[in-house]
Every structure is written in C-alpha cells, then in structure tokens.
C-alpha cells in the first residue's frame, strides 16, 4: 500500500508540469515583444503582452516544478513590465502603475534584482508624471539599491533620478545625475536590461532624448538643444525602418521646445515638421505631453501676434486630438482587446 500510494503521489506530481518547449516559446515571445517594441504599434504591443501574461499565469497554475515556476514568474513579471510601458504610451497611467506593481511582486517572489529595479524605475517615472516628484525620488533610490544591476540599468535609473530632481527644482542635483547617466563607472551586464534589451534596454539615443527633457525642465535651452540634437543624430545613423518613432518624435519635440525658449519660431517649426507625420497609433503620451508644453510656449507674449505661431498651435491641437493614446488616458485600453 505504501509503495502504491507513493507511486500514485509521484505520478500526480509529474502531471503538475508543463513541457520545457512551452517555456522556451514563452521566453521567445517576451524577447520578441521587448526587441520589436519600437517597431510595433502600441495597440499591437498591448494585445501581445496581455496574451503572454495570461498564458504565463495559466502555466503557473499547472506546474509545481520549482525551476519551471521561477522561469514562469520571471516571464510573467517581464510581460507585466511591458504592459506598464505600453499602457503609459497609450495614456493609461493608472493601469501602467498597476502593471509595474505586478512586475515588482513577481520579481520579489524570485528575488530578481533587475526586474524589480526596472519596475521601481517605471513607478518613479509614473510618479513624477503624476505630480509626485518626492515619491519618485524615494522609488528611484529603492530601485538603485537592488543587486545584480548592469551599467545599462544604472544609466536608466540615473536618467530617471535627473528628471526627478528637475521636477523638484534642484538644478544642481539634476545636472549631476545627467553627468552620472553618461559616465557609469563599470561595464557590468544583467539578464534583463542587456541580454534581453529592446524596451528593457536604454539606448544612447534614448538617454540623450531623456536628458534633453530634463534640461528643458531646468530652463537650460542650450543643454536641451545639444542633447536633443545628439539623439536625432544617433537616430539618423539607423536604417529608416529601424528608427523608433516614439523616441524620435519626442526628441524632435524637445528640440522644438528648446528653440522656442530661444524665441526661434522658424527653427521650432522645422523641428516639428516630421512629428506631424507620425501615424495616429504612434502618438504616445510622451510626445503628446511634450507637444502640450510646446503649445503653452506659443502663448507667450513674444509669439502672440505671429501668424506662424497661431498656425503651429492649431496644428499641435489637431494632431493631439486624433491620437490613439488620447482616447485611453487614465483607463485601461479595453477597446483594444480583440
């Protein structure tokens, strides 16, 4: 009886597993989502990442094999992190926060430092976007404390820290964090930001674009123009089909904003020309907020009587009104579900 019971128990345990080839398929899917993020429209990323998260959660309910569960928790956390990123791009800020918290919990279960750091950094980013820079600074400090982070992760967190200091009005610390982001004193890698990369990574052009925004927040038109120009120069070195529209449109808008600070209206119009060609599905929250800031700049007295400024302002409003992310701001983009 004891032998039969033991054998039956073993057979039951053996049934609580999933084929390893299925785990490979799930990993390949998250690799594809992350690495093609910038060449896939946000609505399509949302659909794919949501399907992956649900699929991974279903597999977690089927297996009790520790190795498989660790693999699945990591994949689920990565899928949740991608959902957070795309929900932000679609203007759904609260779901973006919820997905980042989900990613943190999955990362905590398996004690995965890079995943927890990535998700805490996303929460910090979302916090200052929501007008809570003090909370953002606490979150980014927490993110920087996780172990196993490579140089890419550290650069990304330094950029987020810089923006946080700028929102807090601390110009000196903002500039210092920008310098830190450009001069990380090690070449370590981690399995998320570097080995997967893509949206989990932080390319040189993205770093420059993000720092341009920080310079704008502290009123440094020269620094902003230099950083935005560098981002666009790096993007121009890519093949036309591999230039990320989300990053290039944000960098171009920041260049326009820097020129408006200098009262260079013609230069701002030139910078924004390619932005207005961005398709509706690619008009993410990042570029819309930057365009809103540019629209506000156009109301300054120096531009008030300029016909070109009026025309540019109206074009910004029309462009923003027809964006896909405008329709989902503040809520889960349920309408994107098949």
Protein backbone atom coordinates (compact mmCIF):
# COMPACT_ATOMS: atom_id res chain seq x y z
CA UNK A 1 0.00 0.00 0.00
CA UNK A 2 2.77 2.41 0.91
CA UNK A 3 4.56 1.70 -2.36
CA UNK A 4 1.38 2.13 -4.41
CA UNK A 5 0.49 5.35 -2.61
CA UNK A 6 3.99 6.71 -3.14
CA UNK A 7 3.87 5.82 -6.82
CA UNK A 8 0.46 7.46 -7.22
CA UNK A 9 1.68 10.57 -5.48
CA UNK A 10 4.72 10.70 -7.75
CA UNK A 11 2.53 10.30 -10.83
CA UNK A 12 0.29 13.16 -9.66
CA UNK A 13 3.32 15.35 -9.07
CA UNK A 14 4.70 14.50 -12.51
CA UNK A 15 1.46 15.65 -14.10
CA UNK A 16 1.83 19.06 -12.49
CA UNK A 17 4.32 20.32 -15.05
CA UNK A 18 4.50 21.93 -18.46
CA UNK A 19 6.74 20.94 -21.37
CA UNK A 20 10.07 22.75 -21.37
CA UNK A 21 9.50 23.61 -25.01
CA UNK A 22 6.50 25.66 -23.87
CA UNK A 23 8.74 27.64 -21.53
CA UNK A 24 11.06 28.30 -24.47
CA UNK A 25 8.11 29.57 -26.51
CA UNK A 26 7.08 31.97 -23.76
CA UNK A 27 10.62 33.28 -23.42
CA UNK A 28 10.87 33.77 -27.18
CA UNK A 29 7.64 35.78 -27.05
CA UNK A 30 8.88 38.20 -24.40
CA UNK A 31 12.15 38.58 -26.30
CA UNK A 32 10.19 39.47 -29.43
CA UNK A 33 7.91 41.93 -27.61
CA UNK A 34 10.83 43.76 -25.99
CA UNK A 35 13.08 43.82 -29.04
CA UNK A 36 10.40 44.87 -31.54
CA UNK A 37 8.69 47.32 -29.18
CA UNK A 38 9.87 50.35 -31.13
CA UNK A 39 8.81 48.91 -34.48
CA UNK A 40 5.38 47.68 -33.35
CA UNK A 41 2.43 49.99 -32.78
CA UNK A 42 1.44 50.40 -29.11
CA UNK A 43 -2.03 48.85 -29.58
CA UNK A 44 -0.44 45.70 -31.04
CA UNK A 45 2.16 45.54 -28.25
CA UNK A 46 -0.66 45.77 -25.73
CA UNK A 47 -2.54 42.84 -27.25
CA UNK A 48 0.53 40.61 -27.47
CA UNK A 49 1.83 41.40 -23.98
CA UNK A 50 -1.59 40.84 -22.41
CA UNK A 51 -1.94 37.47 -24.14
CA UNK A 52 1.52 36.48 -22.91
CA UNK A 53 0.77 37.44 -19.31
CA UNK A 54 -2.47 35.45 -19.27
CA UNK A 55 -0.78 32.47 -20.93
CA UNK A 56 2.08 32.54 -18.42
CA UNK A 57 -0.26 32.82 -15.45
CA UNK A 58 -2.21 29.79 -16.72
CA UNK A 59 1.04 27.79 -16.94
CA UNK A 60 1.93 28.81 -13.38
CA UNK A 61 -1.30 27.18 -12.22
CA UNK A 62 -0.29 23.94 -13.95
CA UNK A 63 3.26 23.33 -12.74
CA UNK A 64 4.78 22.75 -9.34
CA UNK A 65 8.33 22.23 -10.61
CA UNK A 66 10.47 24.90 -8.84
CA UNK A 67 12.69 25.53 -11.86
CA UNK A 68 9.68 26.00 -14.12
CA UNK A 69 7.86 28.21 -11.66
CA UNK A 70 10.88 30.50 -11.37
CA UNK A 71 11.06 30.72 -15.15
CA UNK A 72 7.35 31.49 -15.38
CA UNK A 73 7.39 34.09 -12.60
CA UNK A 74 10.18 35.89 -14.44
CA UNK A 75 8.32 35.79 -17.76
CA UNK A 76 5.10 36.98 -16.10
CA UNK A 77 6.98 39.85 -14.47
CA UNK A 78 8.55 40.83 -17.77
CA UNK A 79 5.17 40.73 -19.53
CA UNK A 80 3.66 42.91 -16.80
CA UNK A 81 6.55 45.37 -17.18
CA UNK A 82 5.92 45.58 -20.93
CA UNK A 83 2.23 46.16 -20.27
CA UNK A 84 3.16 49.00 -17.93
CA UNK A 85 5.32 50.60 -20.61
CA UNK A 86 2.71 50.34 -23.35
CA UNK A 87 -0.15 51.46 -21.09
CA UNK A 88 1.87 54.61 -20.43
CA UNK A 89 2.40 55.14 -24.15
CA UNK A 90 -1.35 54.73 -24.62
CA UNK A 91 -2.02 57.33 -21.94
CA UNK A 92 -3.49 54.85 -19.42
CA UNK A 93 -1.46 55.91 -16.39
CA UNK A 94 -3.23 54.07 -13.58
CA UNK A 95 -3.09 50.68 -15.34
CA UNK A 96 0.59 51.41 -16.02
CA UNK A 97 1.14 51.79 -12.27
CA UNK A 98 -0.77 48.58 -11.54
CA UNK A 99 1.24 46.57 -14.05
CA UNK A 100 4.53 47.88 -12.66
CA UNK A 101 3.46 46.81 -9.18
CA UNK A 102 2.59 43.39 -10.56
CA UNK A 103 6.05 43.13 -12.10
CA UNK A 104 7.60 44.07 -8.75
CA UNK A 105 5.68 41.34 -6.95
CA UNK A 106 6.71 38.68 -9.45
CA UNK A 107 10.31 39.86 -9.21
CA UNK A 108 10.16 39.76 -5.44
CA UNK A 109 8.94 36.14 -5.43
CA UNK A 110 12.07 35.01 -7.28
CA UNK A 111 14.37 37.72 -5.83
CA UNK A 112 15.22 39.06 -9.28
CA UNK A 113 17.02 42.39 -8.78
CA UNK A 114 17.00 43.74 -12.37
CA UNK A 115 13.25 43.15 -12.81
CA UNK A 116 12.45 44.83 -9.50
CA UNK A 117 14.76 47.73 -10.36
CA UNK A 118 13.18 48.17 -13.78
CA UNK A 119 9.66 48.20 -12.37
CA UNK A 120 10.55 50.54 -9.49
CA UNK A 121 12.14 52.87 -12.03
CA UNK A 122 8.92 52.79 -14.05
CA UNK A 123 6.93 53.63 -10.92
CA UNK A 124 9.28 56.54 -10.22
CA UNK A 125 8.76 57.77 -13.78
CA UNK A 126 4.99 57.47 -13.40
CA UNK A 127 5.12 59.21 -10.02
CA UNK A 128 6.68 62.42 -11.31
CA UNK A 129 4.38 62.31 -14.32
CA UNK A 130 1.54 62.33 -11.80
CA UNK A 131 2.96 65.33 -9.94
CA UNK A 132 4.64 63.39 -7.09
CA UNK A 133 8.38 64.01 -7.53
CA UNK A 134 9.20 63.39 -3.85
CA UNK A 135 7.65 59.92 -4.10
CA UNK A 136 9.52 59.41 -7.37
CA UNK A 137 12.86 60.12 -5.69
CA UNK A 138 12.13 57.54 -2.99
CA UNK A 139 11.23 54.96 -5.64
CA UNK A 140 14.34 55.56 -7.71
CA UNK A 141 16.53 55.28 -4.60
CA UNK A 142 14.88 51.92 -3.89
CA UNK A 143 15.50 50.82 -7.48
CA UNK A 144 19.17 51.73 -7.27
CA UNK A 145 19.56 49.52 -4.20
CA UNK A 146 18.78 46.19 -5.90
CA UNK A 147 21.64 43.83 -6.61
CA UNK A 148 22.80 42.46 -9.93
CA UNK A 149 22.30 45.63 -11.98
CA UNK A 150 24.38 46.23 -15.08
CA UNK A 151 25.61 49.54 -16.47
CA UNK A 152 22.52 49.98 -18.67
CA UNK A 153 20.19 49.67 -15.68
CA UNK A 154 22.28 52.17 -13.72
CA UNK A 155 22.26 54.68 -16.60
CA UNK A 156 18.49 54.38 -16.93
CA UNK A 157 17.96 54.98 -13.23
CA UNK A 158 20.34 57.96 -13.27
CA UNK A 159 18.25 59.50 -16.07
CA UNK A 160 15.06 58.98 -14.06
CA UNK A 161 16.77 60.45 -11.00
CA UNK A 162 17.83 63.51 -13.01
CA UNK A 163 14.28 64.15 -14.17
CA UNK A 164 13.03 63.73 -10.60
CA UNK A 165 15.48 66.35 -9.28
CA UNK A 166 14.41 68.69 -12.09
CA UNK A 167 10.75 68.31 -11.10
CA UNK A 168 11.79 69.09 -7.52
CA UNK A 169 13.55 72.26 -8.71
CA UNK A 170 17.02 71.02 -7.70
CA UNK A 171 19.03 72.12 -10.73
CA UNK A 172 22.42 71.17 -9.33
CA UNK A 173 21.42 67.59 -8.50
CA UNK A 174 19.63 67.25 -11.84
CA UNK A 175 22.76 68.18 -13.77
CA UNK A 176 24.89 65.89 -11.62
CA UNK A 177 22.55 62.96 -12.28
CA UNK A 178 22.73 63.71 -16.03
CA UNK A 179 26.51 63.50 -15.80
CA UNK A 180 26.21 60.26 -13.86
CA UNK A 181 23.98 58.79 -16.55
CA UNK A 182 26.71 59.44 -19.13
CA UNK A 183 29.57 58.14 -17.01
CA UNK A 184 28.64 54.89 -15.27
CA UNK A 185 31.96 53.59 -13.87
CA UNK A 186 31.55 49.91 -14.80
CA UNK A 187 30.69 47.68 -17.75
CA UNK A 188 28.60 45.05 -15.95
CA UNK A 189 25.61 43.49 -17.70
CA UNK A 190 22.40 41.97 -16.42
CA UNK A 191 19.98 39.48 -17.97
CA UNK A 192 17.12 41.97 -18.40
CA UNK A 193 18.42 45.37 -19.46
CA UNK A 194 21.30 43.96 -21.53
CA UNK A 195 20.67 40.34 -22.51
CA UNK A 196 17.04 40.96 -23.49
CA UNK A 197 17.45 44.66 -24.20
CA UNK A 198 14.99 46.30 -26.53
CA UNK A 199 12.44 48.18 -24.45
CA UNK A 200 14.18 46.84 -21.34
CA UNK A 201 17.40 48.42 -22.55
CA UNK A 202 18.30 52.08 -22.70
CA UNK A 203 19.93 53.09 -25.97
CA UNK A 204 22.25 56.06 -26.39
CA UNK A 205 19.63 58.00 -28.33
CA UNK A 206 17.01 57.36 -25.66
CA UNK A 207 19.42 58.51 -22.98
CA UNK A 208 20.15 61.72 -24.89
CA UNK A 209 16.44 62.34 -25.56
CA UNK A 210 15.57 61.87 -21.88
CA UNK A 211 18.34 64.19 -20.74
CA UNK A 212 17.11 66.84 -23.18
CA UNK A 213 13.76 66.80 -21.38
CA UNK A 214 15.49 67.26 -18.04
CA UNK A 215 17.42 70.25 -19.37
CA UNK A 216 14.14 71.78 -20.51
CA UNK A 217 12.66 71.35 -17.05
CA UNK A 218 15.50 73.36 -15.53
CA UNK A 219 15.28 76.00 -18.27
CA UNK A 220 18.62 75.17 -19.96
CA UNK A 221 17.86 75.71 -23.66
CA UNK A 222 21.46 75.12 -24.73
CA UNK A 223 21.76 71.79 -22.91
CA UNK A 224 18.35 70.69 -24.20
CA UNK A 225 19.16 71.57 -27.79
CA UNK A 226 22.51 69.79 -27.65
CA UNK A 227 21.04 66.63 -26.12
CA UNK A 228 18.03 66.53 -28.46
CA UNK A 229 20.26 67.13 -31.48
CA UNK A 230 22.54 64.31 -30.36
CA UNK A 231 19.56 61.96 -30.01
CA UNK A 232 18.34 62.81 -33.51
CA UNK A 233 21.86 62.44 -34.93
CA UNK A 234 22.15 58.96 -33.42
CA UNK A 235 18.72 58.05 -34.79
CA UNK A 236 19.69 59.27 -38.26
CA UNK A 237 22.52 56.73 -38.27
CA UNK A 238 19.98 53.91 -38.14
CA UNK A 239 18.24 52.41 -41.13
CA UNK A 240 14.97 54.18 -41.86
CA UNK A 241 12.92 51.14 -40.88
CA UNK A 242 14.61 50.73 -37.50
CA UNK A 243 14.24 54.28 -36.17
CA UNK A 244 11.92 54.19 -33.14
CA UNK A 245 9.10 56.64 -33.81
CA UNK A 246 8.29 57.10 -30.12
CA UNK A 247 11.83 58.23 -29.34
CA UNK A 248 12.43 60.26 -32.50
CA UNK A 249 9.18 62.20 -32.16
CA UNK A 250 9.92 63.02 -28.52
CA UNK A 251 13.46 64.15 -29.34
CA UNK A 252 12.23 66.32 -32.22
CA UNK A 253 9.59 67.92 -30.00
CA UNK A 254 12.17 68.66 -27.30
CA UNK A 255 14.39 70.25 -29.94
CA UNK A 256 11.45 72.46 -30.94
CA UNK A 257 10.82 73.39 -27.30
CA UNK A 258 14.47 74.33 -26.84
CA UNK A 259 14.29 76.59 -29.89
CA UNK A 260 11.09 78.19 -28.62
CA UNK A 261 12.95 79.03 -25.41
CA UNK A 262 15.37 80.90 -27.66
CA UNK A 263 12.41 82.53 -29.45
CA UNK A 264 13.40 80.74 -32.69
CA UNK A 265 9.96 80.12 -34.14
CA UNK A 266 11.13 79.07 -37.61
CA UNK A 267 13.56 76.58 -36.12
CA UNK A 268 10.81 75.13 -33.95
CA UNK A 269 8.55 74.68 -36.96
CA UNK A 270 11.34 72.86 -38.80
CA UNK A 271 11.92 70.54 -35.84
CA UNK A 272 8.24 69.66 -35.54
CA UNK A 273 7.67 69.01 -39.25
CA UNK A 274 8.49 65.26 -39.06
CA UNK A 275 6.48 64.87 -35.85
CA UNK A 276 3.27 65.79 -37.64
CA UNK A 277 3.81 62.84 -39.99
CA UNK A 278 3.69 60.30 -37.14
CA UNK A 279 0.73 57.91 -37.60
CA UNK A 280 -2.16 58.04 -35.14
CA UNK A 281 -1.28 54.77 -33.37
CA UNK A 282 2.26 56.00 -32.64
CA UNK A 283 1.33 59.27 -30.95
CA UNK A 284 2.24 58.21 -27.42
CA UNK A 285 1.69 60.06 -24.18
CA UNK A 286 5.32 61.14 -24.07
CA UNK A 287 5.15 63.13 -27.28
CA UNK A 288 1.66 64.47 -26.51
CA UNK A 289 2.79 65.93 -23.19
CA UNK A 290 5.82 67.49 -24.85
CA UNK A 291 3.62 68.96 -27.56
CA UNK A 292 1.30 70.35 -24.89
CA UNK A 293 4.31 72.10 -23.34
CA UNK A 294 5.27 73.49 -26.76
CA UNK A 295 1.69 74.68 -27.26
CA UNK A 296 1.87 76.53 -23.95
CA UNK A 297 5.14 78.17 -25.00
CA UNK A 298 3.44 79.51 -28.13
CA UNK A 299 1.07 81.56 -25.96
CA UNK A 300 3.95 83.69 -24.63
CA UNK A 301 3.65 87.42 -25.46
CA UNK A 302 6.62 87.25 -27.86
CA UNK A 303 4.66 84.88 -30.14
CA UNK A 304 1.16 86.21 -29.60
CA UNK A 305 0.97 88.29 -32.79
CA UNK A 306 2.88 85.86 -35.01
CA UNK A 307 0.63 84.16 -37.55
CA UNK A 308 3.05 81.25 -37.81
CA UNK A 309 2.77 80.67 -34.05
CA UNK A 310 -1.02 80.61 -34.26
CA UNK A 311 -0.91 78.16 -37.14
CA UNK A 312 1.59 75.93 -35.32
CA UNK A 313 -0.52 75.93 -32.17
CA UNK A 314 -3.62 74.90 -34.08
CA UNK A 315 -1.72 72.13 -35.83
CA UNK A 316 -0.49 70.78 -32.49
CA UNK A 317 -4.06 70.70 -31.19
CA UNK A 318 -5.37 68.85 -34.24
CA UNK A 319 -2.52 66.34 -34.15
CA UNK A 320 -3.03 65.60 -30.46
CA UNK A 321 -6.81 65.32 -30.67
CA UNK A 322 -6.61 62.49 -33.20
CA UNK A 323 -4.01 60.38 -31.35
CA UNK A 324 -4.93 56.90 -30.16
CA UNK A 325 -3.46 57.49 -26.70
CA UNK A 326 -5.73 60.49 -26.15
CA UNK A 327 -8.69 58.10 -26.11
CA UNK A 328 -7.34 55.92 -23.29
CA UNK A 329 -5.85 58.43 -20.89
CA UNK A 330 -6.44 57.37 -17.29
CA UNK A 331 -8.05 53.98 -18.02
CA UNK A 332 -7.19 50.51 -19.23
CA UNK A 333 -7.36 50.42 -23.04
CA UNK A 334 -10.11 47.83 -23.06
CA UNK A 335 -11.25 48.86 -26.50
CA UNK A 336 -8.04 47.36 -27.89
CA UNK A 337 -8.99 43.86 -26.88
CA UNK A 338 -9.84 41.52 -29.77
